[in-house]
C-alpha atoms as a PDB file:
ATOM      1  CA  MET A   1     -60.526  20.010  -3.949  1.00  0.00           C
ATOM      2  CA  ARG A   2     -63.384  17.649  -3.364  1.00  0.00           C
ATOM      3  CA  PHE A   3     -66.157  15.732  -5.057  1.00  0.00           C
ATOM      4  CA  GLY A   4     -68.328  13.466  -2.964  1.00  0.00           C
ATOM      5  CA  ASP A   5     -66.149  11.900  -0.274  1.00  0.00           C
ATOM      6  CA  ILE A   6     -62.971  12.105  -2.351  1.00  0.00           C
ATOM      7  CA  ALA A   7     -60.468  14.881  -1.756  1.00  0.00           C
ATOM      8  CA  GLU A   8     -57.145  15.961  -3.269  1.00  0.00           C
ATOM      9  CA  SER A   9     -55.130  19.142  -3.200  1.00  0.00           C
ATOM     10  CA  PHE A  10     -52.463  21.078  -4.995  1.00  0.00           C
ATOM     11  CA  GLY A  11     -49.874  21.483  -2.256  1.00  0.00           C
ATOM     12  CA  SER A  12     -47.137  24.066  -2.101  1.00  0.00           C
ATOM     13  CA  SER A  13     -44.745  21.561  -3.679  1.00  0.00           C
ATOM     14  CA  ASP A  14     -47.148  21.244  -6.626  1.00  0.00           C
ATOM     15  CA  GLU A  15     -46.993  24.941  -7.441  1.00  0.00           C
ATOM     16  CA  VAL A  16     -44.070  24.282  -9.797  1.00  0.00           C
ATOM     17  CA  ILE A  17     -46.441  22.197 -11.935  1.00  0.00           C
ATOM     18  CA  LEU A  18     -48.931  25.040 -12.129  1.00  0.00           C
ATOM     19  CA  ASP A  19     -46.241  27.679 -12.662  1.00  0.00           C
ATOM     20  CA  CYS A  20     -44.638  25.791 -15.541  1.00  0.00           C
ATOM     21  CA  ALA A  21     -47.993  24.996 -17.120  1.00  0.00           C
ATOM     22  CA  SER A  22     -49.028  28.642 -17.003  1.00  0.00           C
ATOM     23  CA  LYS A  23     -45.848  29.631 -18.873  1.00  0.00           C
ATOM     24  CA  ARG A  24     -46.228  27.065 -21.669  1.00  0.00           C
ATOM     25  CA  ALA A  25     -48.736  26.791 -24.466  1.00  0.00           C
ATOM     26  CA  GLY A  26     -51.088  23.835 -24.424  1.00  0.00           C
ATOM     27  CA  PHE A  27     -52.107  23.818 -20.766  1.00  0.00           C
ATOM     28  CA  PRO A  28     -55.047  26.238 -20.542  1.00  0.00           C
ATOM     29  CA  GLN A  29     -56.867  24.442 -17.732  1.00  0.00           C
ATOM     30  CA  LEU A  30     -53.795  24.163 -15.501  1.00  0.00           C
ATOM     31  CA  ALA A  31     -53.043  27.816 -16.232  1.00  0.00           C
ATOM     32  CA  ALA A  32     -56.602  28.692 -15.168  1.00  0.00           C
ATOM     33  CA  ILE A  33     -56.159  26.809 -11.896  1.00  0.00           C
ATOM     34  CA  ARG A  34     -52.927  28.731 -11.297  1.00  0.00           C
ATOM     35  CA  ARG A  35     -54.636  32.036 -12.071  1.00  0.00           C
ATOM     36  CA  ASP A  36     -57.603  31.277  -9.814  1.00  0.00           C
ATOM     37  CA  PHE A  37     -55.629  29.352  -7.165  1.00  0.00           C
ATOM     38  CA  TYR A  38     -57.017  31.309  -4.207  1.00  0.00           C
ATOM     39  CA  LYS A  39     -60.596  31.513  -5.418  1.00  0.00           C
ATOM     40  CA  ASP A  40     -63.358  29.032  -4.731  1.00  0.00           C
ATOM     41  CA  VAL A  41     -63.506  27.377  -8.139  1.00  0.00           C
ATOM     42  CA  ARG A  42     -65.827  24.729  -9.549  1.00  0.00           C
ATOM     43  CA  ILE A  43     -64.382  22.302 -12.060  1.00  0.00           C
ATOM     44  CA  TYR A  44     -66.972  20.631 -14.261  1.00  0.00           C
ATOM     45  CA  PRO A  45     -66.534  17.168 -15.844  1.00  0.00           C
ATOM     46  CA  ASP A  46     -65.416  18.477 -19.255  1.00  0.00           C
ATOM     47  CA  ILE A  47     -62.689  20.534 -17.584  1.00  0.00           C
ATOM     48  CA  SER A  48     -61.676  17.538 -15.453  1.00  0.00           C
ATOM     49  CA  ARG A  49     -61.221  15.498 -18.645  1.00  0.00           C
ATOM     50  CA  ALA A  50     -58.999  18.223 -20.101  1.00  0.00           C
ATOM     51  CA  LEU A  51     -56.995  18.363 -16.859  1.00  0.00           C
ATOM     52  CA  VAL A  52     -56.282  14.633 -17.088  1.00  0.00           C
ATOM     53  CA  ARG A  53     -54.629  15.140 -20.483  1.00  0.00           C
ATOM     54  CA  GLU A  54     -52.749  18.255 -19.392  1.00  0.00           C
ATOM     55  CA  LEU A  55     -51.465  16.673 -16.182  1.00  0.00           C
ATOM     56  CA  ARG A  56     -50.158  13.630 -18.042  1.00  0.00           C
ATOM     57  CA  GLU A  57     -48.381  15.825 -20.585  1.00  0.00           C
ATOM     58  CA  ILE A  58     -46.856  18.264 -18.086  1.00  0.00           C
ATOM     59  CA  GLY A  59     -45.817  15.352 -15.867  1.00  0.00           C
ATOM     60  CA  GLN A  60     -43.756  13.896 -18.695  1.00  0.00           C
ATOM     61  CA  ALA A  61     -42.284  17.277 -19.591  1.00  0.00           C
ATOM     62  CA  LEU A  62     -41.254  18.031 -15.994  1.00  0.00           C
ATOM     63  CA  GLY A  63     -40.299  14.518 -14.928  1.00  0.00           C
ATOM     64  CA  CYS A  64     -42.894  14.409 -12.162  1.00  0.00           C
ATOM     65  CA  GLN A  65     -45.165  11.748 -13.621  1.00  0.00           C
ATOM     66  CA  SER A  66     -45.971  10.169 -10.248  1.00  0.00           C
ATOM     67  CA  ARG A  67     -47.510  13.251  -8.648  1.00  0.00           C
ATOM     68  CA  CYS A  68     -49.211  14.337 -11.865  1.00  0.00           C
ATOM     69  CA  ALA A  69     -50.649  10.821 -12.211  1.00  0.00           C
ATOM     70  CA  GLU A  70     -52.163  11.090  -8.717  1.00  0.00           C
ATOM     71  CA  LEU A  71     -53.801  14.389  -9.611  1.00  0.00           C
ATOM     72  CA  ALA A  72     -54.894  13.067 -13.020  1.00  0.00           C
ATOM     73  CA  THR A  73     -56.526  10.040 -11.359  1.00  0.00           C
ATOM     74  CA  PHE A  74     -58.528  12.341  -9.093  1.00  0.00           C
ATOM     75  CA  PHE A  75     -59.812  14.377 -12.045  1.00  0.00           C
ATOM     76  CA  GLU A  76     -60.424  11.244 -14.123  1.00  0.00           C
ATOM     77  CA  ARG A  77     -62.605   9.781 -11.377  1.00  0.00           C
ATOM     78  CA  ALA A  78     -64.535  13.040 -11.133  1.00  0.00           C
ATOM     79  CA  ALA A  79     -65.066  13.186 -14.902  1.00  0.00           C
ATOM     80  CA  GLU A  80     -66.124   9.540 -15.144  1.00  0.00           C
ATOM     81  CA  SER A  81     -68.681  10.009 -12.379  1.00  0.00           C
ATOM     82  CA  GLY A  82     -69.962  13.257 -13.894  1.00  0.00           C
ATOM     83  CA  ALA A  83     -69.101  15.095 -10.692  1.00  0.00           C
ATOM     84  CA  THR A  84     -68.261  18.733 -10.213  1.00  0.00           C
ATOM     85  CA  VAL A  85     -65.043  19.317  -8.266  1.00  0.00           C
ATOM     86  CA  TYR A  86     -65.347  22.019  -5.641  1.00  0.00           C
ATOM     87  CA  CYS A  87     -62.217  23.912  -4.707  1.00  0.00           C
ATOM     88  CA  VAL A  88     -61.875  25.873  -1.499  1.00  0.00           C
ATOM     89  CA  SER A  89     -58.883  28.096  -0.946  1.00  0.00           C
ATOM     90  CA  ASP A  90     -56.938  28.196   2.286  1.00  0.00           C
END
């Protein structure tokens, strides 16, 4: 995932976050990322803002606040700058 010169990724170890989010209510944006994981997706600022909230909540629920906070910071920076995040699958 990238916006401007800033990049981040959901690694294979992060798939548990996406899997759990897709099985629980209240995480529609994370579930969408899981569903479209191998597609070239664009994430607009309003979706980035929603992802910040969802990542913080799922991080607490799963006990992986550190990694979710890193991802949330990436999306927060994108939202604050009004940037679209471009995702490219492997």
